[in-house]
Amino acid sequence: MFITDRGRPAHVLLSIADLLALSGVEDLELPLIQPSERARAADLS
């Protein structure tokens, strides 16, 4: 699935199956960033 911004491709969404089917993916490293803030519960009162 391609997501466009004003008609220009901006993002591509792949399923896990599509990602694993790509060649060269086994060497892919994803830097994981730890969130610095935790989400707070919404005040619904």
PDB file of N, CA and C in Angstrom:
ATOM      1  N   MET A   1       0.850  -1.159   0.000  1.00  0.00           N
ATOM      2  CA  MET A   1       0.000   0.000   0.000  1.00  0.00           C
ATOM      3  C   MET A   1       0.902   1.230   0.000  1.00  0.00           C
ATOM      4  N   PHE A   2       0.606   2.145  -0.863  1.00  0.00           N
ATOM      5  CA  PHE A   2       1.346   3.398  -0.935  1.00  0.00           C
ATOM      6  C   PHE A   2       0.487   4.511  -0.345  1.00  0.00           C
ATOM      7  N   ILE A   3       1.077   5.311   0.510  1.00  0.00           N
ATOM      8  CA  ILE A   3       0.397   6.475   1.077  1.00  0.00           C
ATOM      9  C   ILE A   3       1.004   7.700   0.413  1.00  0.00           C
ATOM     10  N   THR A   4       0.143   8.556  -0.107  1.00  0.00           N
ATOM     11  CA  THR A   4       0.629   9.730  -0.822  1.00  0.00           C
ATOM     12  C   THR A   4       0.350  10.999  -0.036  1.00  0.00           C
ATOM     13  N   ASP A   5       1.156  12.006  -0.307  1.00  0.00           N
ATOM     14  CA  ASP A   5       0.975  13.330   0.263  1.00  0.00           C
ATOM     15  C   ASP A   5       0.879  14.283  -0.916  1.00  0.00           C
ATOM     16  N   ARG A   6      -0.330  14.749  -1.185  1.00  0.00           N
ATOM     17  CA  ARG A   6      -0.599  15.634  -2.321  1.00  0.00           C
ATOM     18  C   ARG A   6      -0.176  15.002  -3.641  1.00  0.00           C
ATOM     19  N   GLY A   7      -0.482  13.698  -3.775  1.00  0.00           N
ATOM     20  CA  GLY A   7      -0.215  13.005  -5.019  1.00  0.00           C
ATOM     21  C   GLY A   7       1.178  12.422  -5.166  1.00  0.00           C
ATOM     22  N   ARG A   8       2.076  12.701  -4.216  1.00  0.00           N
ATOM     23  CA  ARG A   8       3.436  12.171  -4.281  1.00  0.00           C
ATOM     24  C   ARG A   8       3.585  11.047  -3.264  1.00  0.00           C
ATOM     25  N   PRO A   9       4.215   9.929  -3.630  1.00  0.00           N
ATOM     26  CA  PRO A   9       4.404   8.838  -2.666  1.00  0.00           C
ATOM     27  C   PRO A   9       5.194   9.320  -1.450  1.00  0.00           C
ATOM     28  N   ALA A  10       4.676   9.043  -0.254  1.00  0.00           N
ATOM     29  CA  ALA A  10       5.333   9.474   0.975  1.00  0.00           C
ATOM     30  C   ALA A  10       5.715   8.291   1.859  1.00  0.00           C
ATOM     31  N   HIS A  11       4.912   7.229   1.864  1.00  0.00           N
ATOM     32  CA  HIS A  11       5.156   6.070   2.721  1.00  0.00           C
ATOM     33  C   HIS A  11       4.729   4.808   1.989  1.00  0.00           C
ATOM     34  N   VAL A  12       5.317   3.691   2.387  1.00  0.00           N
ATOM     35  CA  VAL A  12       4.931   2.387   1.855  1.00  0.00           C
ATOM     36  C   VAL A  12       4.689   1.468   3.036  1.00  0.00           C
ATOM     37  N   LEU A  13       3.542   0.793   3.046  1.00  0.00           N
ATOM     38  CA  LEU A  13       3.229  -0.168   4.096  1.00  0.00           C
ATOM     39  C   LEU A  13       3.368  -1.568   3.534  1.00  0.00           C
ATOM     40  N   LEU A  14       4.092  -2.430   4.251  1.00  0.00           N
ATOM     41  CA  LEU A  14       4.273  -3.820   3.852  1.00  0.00           C
ATOM     42  C   LEU A  14       3.778  -4.726   4.960  1.00  0.00           C
ATOM     43  N   SER A  15       3.258  -5.869   4.575  1.00  0.00           N
ATOM     44  CA  SER A  15       2.945  -6.882   5.579  1.00  0.00           C
ATOM     45  C   SER A  15       4.248  -7.581   5.951  1.00  0.00           C
ATOM     46  N   ILE A  16       4.258  -8.298   7.061  1.00  0.00           N
ATOM     47  CA  ILE A  16       5.447  -9.044   7.468  1.00  0.00           C
ATOM     48  C   ILE A  16       5.822 -10.051   6.389  1.00  0.00           C
ATOM     49  N   ALA A  17       4.829 -10.703   5.792  1.00  0.00           N
ATOM     50  CA  ALA A  17       5.098 -11.685   4.734  1.00  0.00           C
ATOM     51  C   ALA A  17       5.778 -11.020   3.538  1.00  0.00           C
ATOM     52  N   ASP A  18       5.323  -9.828   3.154  1.00  0.00           N
ATOM     53  CA  ASP A  18       5.950  -9.107   2.044  1.00  0.00           C
ATOM     54  C   ASP A  18       7.383  -8.712   2.392  1.00  0.00           C
ATOM     55  N   LEU A  19       7.603  -8.261   3.618  1.00  0.00           N
ATOM     56  CA  LEU A  19       8.938  -7.863   4.050  1.00  0.00           C
ATOM     57  C   LEU A  19       9.895  -9.041   4.029  1.00  0.00           C
ATOM     58  N   LEU A  20       9.460 -10.177   4.558  1.00  0.00           N
ATOM     59  CA  LEU A  20      10.322 -11.351   4.605  1.00  0.00           C
ATOM     60  C   LEU A  20      10.587 -11.934   3.224  1.00  0.00           C
ATOM     61  N   ALA A  21       9.719 -11.655   2.256  1.00  0.00           N
ATOM     62  CA  ALA A  21       9.910 -12.155   0.901  1.00  0.00           C
ATOM     63  C   ALA A  21      10.970 -11.363   0.134  1.00  0.00           C
ATOM     64  N   LEU A  22      11.326 -10.176   0.619  1.00  0.00           N
ATOM     65  CA  LEU A  22      12.335  -9.362  -0.051  1.00  0.00           C
ATOM     66  C   LEU A  22      13.718  -9.972   0.140  1.00  0.00           C
ATOM     67  N   SER A  23      14.569  -9.869  -0.867  1.00  0.00           N
ATOM     68  CA  SER A  23      15.929 -10.381  -0.721  1.00  0.00           C
ATOM     69  C   SER A  23      16.783  -9.358   0.020  1.00  0.00           C
ATOM     70  N   GLY A  24      17.730  -9.834   0.818  1.00  0.00           N
ATOM     71  CA  GLY A  24      18.616  -8.958   1.573  1.00  0.00           C
ATOM     72  C   GLY A  24      18.054  -8.494   2.895  1.00  0.00           C
ATOM     73  N   VAL A  25      16.865  -8.934   3.257  1.00  0.00           N
ATOM     74  CA  VAL A  25      16.230  -8.488   4.496  1.00  0.00           C
ATOM     75  C   VAL A  25      16.908  -9.100   5.718  1.00  0.00           C
ATOM     76  N   GLU A  26      17.540 -10.259   5.542  1.00  0.00           N
ATOM     77  CA  GLU A  26      18.151 -10.927   6.687  1.00  0.00           C
ATOM     78  C   GLU A  26      19.282 -10.104   7.305  1.00  0.00           C
ATOM     79  N   ASP A  27      19.835  -9.141   6.576  1.00  0.00           N
ATOM     80  CA  ASP A  27      20.898  -8.289   7.098  1.00  0.00           C
ATOM     81  C   ASP A  27      20.376  -6.950   7.611  1.00  0.00           C
ATOM     82  N   LEU A  28      19.083  -6.764   7.624  1.00  0.00           N
ATOM     83  CA  LEU A  28      18.468  -5.508   8.027  1.00  0.00           C
ATOM     84  C   LEU A  28      18.554  -5.331   9.535  1.00  0.00           C
ATOM     85  N   GLU A  29      19.040  -4.179   9.981  1.00  0.00           N
ATOM     86  CA  GLU A  29      19.090  -3.859  11.402  1.00  0.00           C
ATOM     87  C   GLU A  29      18.177  -2.660  11.651  1.00  0.00           C
ATOM     88  N   LEU A  30      17.301  -2.803  12.612  1.00  0.00           N
ATOM     89  CA  LEU A  30      16.383  -1.724  12.954  1.00  0.00           C
ATOM     90  C   LEU A  30      16.789  -1.130  14.294  1.00  0.00           C
ATOM     91  N   PRO A  31      17.185   0.125  14.318  1.00  0.00           N
ATOM     92  CA  PRO A  31      17.518   0.746  15.599  1.00  0.00           C
ATOM     93  C   PRO A  31      16.227   1.033  16.376  1.00  0.00           C
ATOM     94  N   LEU A  32      16.102   0.437  17.537  1.00  0.00           N
ATOM     95  CA  LEU A  32      14.908   0.640  18.356  1.00  0.00           C
ATOM     96  C   LEU A  32      15.171   1.763  19.347  1.00  0.00           C
ATOM     97  N   ILE A  33      14.261   2.701  19.386  1.00  0.00           N
ATOM     98  CA  ILE A  33      14.394   3.860  20.264  1.00  0.00           C
ATOM     99  C   ILE A  33      13.453   3.680  21.441  1.00  0.00           C
ATOM    100  N   GLN A  34      13.985   3.825  22.641  1.00  0.00           N
ATOM    101  CA  GLN A  34      13.163   3.734  23.838  1.00  0.00           C
ATOM    102  C   GLN A  34      12.446   5.068  24.044  1.00  0.00           C
ATOM    103  N   PRO A  35      11.133   5.026  24.249  1.00  0.00           N
ATOM    104  CA  PRO A  35      10.407   6.283  24.477  1.00  0.00           C
ATOM    105  C   PRO A  35      10.857   6.927  25.782  1.00  0.00           C
ATOM    106  N   SER A  36      11.007   8.240  25.762  1.00  0.00           N
ATOM    107  CA  SER A  36      11.463   8.950  26.953  1.00  0.00           C
ATOM    108  C   SER A  36      10.303   9.309  27.879  1.00  0.00           C
ATOM    109  N   GLU A  37       9.093   9.305  27.368  1.00  0.00           N
ATOM    110  CA  GLU A  37       7.930   9.627  28.195  1.00  0.00           C
ATOM    111  C   GLU A  37       6.888   8.534  28.058  1.00  0.00           C
ATOM    112  N   ARG A  38       6.177   8.288  29.115  1.00  0.00           N
ATOM    113  CA  ARG A  38       5.088   7.314  29.096  1.00  0.00           C
ATOM    114  C   ARG A  38       3.774   8.058  28.869  1.00  0.00           C
ATOM    115  N   ALA A  39       2.869   7.404  28.182  1.00  0.00           N
ATOM    116  CA  ALA A  39       1.549   7.993  27.962  1.00  0.00           C
ATOM    117  C   ALA A  39       0.792   8.048  29.284  1.00  0.00           C
ATOM    118  N   ARG A  40       0.083   9.116  29.498  1.00  0.00           N
ATOM    119  CA  ARG A  40      -0.714   9.264  30.713  1.00  0.00           C
ATOM    120  C   ARG A  40      -2.153   8.880  30.424  1.00  0.00           C
ATOM    121  N   ALA A  41      -2.818   8.389  31.437  1.00  0.00           N
ATOM    122  CA  ALA A  41      -4.229   8.031  31.302  1.00  0.00           C
ATOM    123  C   ALA A  41      -5.053   9.300  31.074  1.00  0.00           C
ATOM    124  N   ALA A  42      -6.065   9.185  30.251  1.00  0.00           N
ATOM    125  CA  ALA A  42      -6.938  10.322  29.969  1.00  0.00           C
ATOM    126  C   ALA A  42      -7.851  10.591  31.157  1.00  0.00           C
ATOM    127  N   ASP A  43      -8.072  11.861  31.459  1.00  0.00           N
ATOM    128  CA  ASP A  43      -8.987  12.254  32.527  1.00  0.00           C
ATOM    129  C   ASP A  43     -10.375  12.386  31.911  1.00  0.00           C
ATOM    130  N   LEU A  44     -11.233  11.408  32.157  1.00  0.00           N
ATOM    131  CA  LEU A  44     -12.569  11.395  31.563  1.00  0.00           C
ATOM    132  C   LEU A  44     -13.648  11.870  32.532  1.00  0.00           C
ATOM    133  N   SER A  45     -13.244  12.560  33.570  1.00  0.00           N
ATOM    134  CA  SER A  45     -14.242  13.022  34.547  1.00  0.00           C
ATOM    135  C   SER A  45     -14.894  14.316  34.116  1.00  0.00           C
TER     136      SER A  45
END
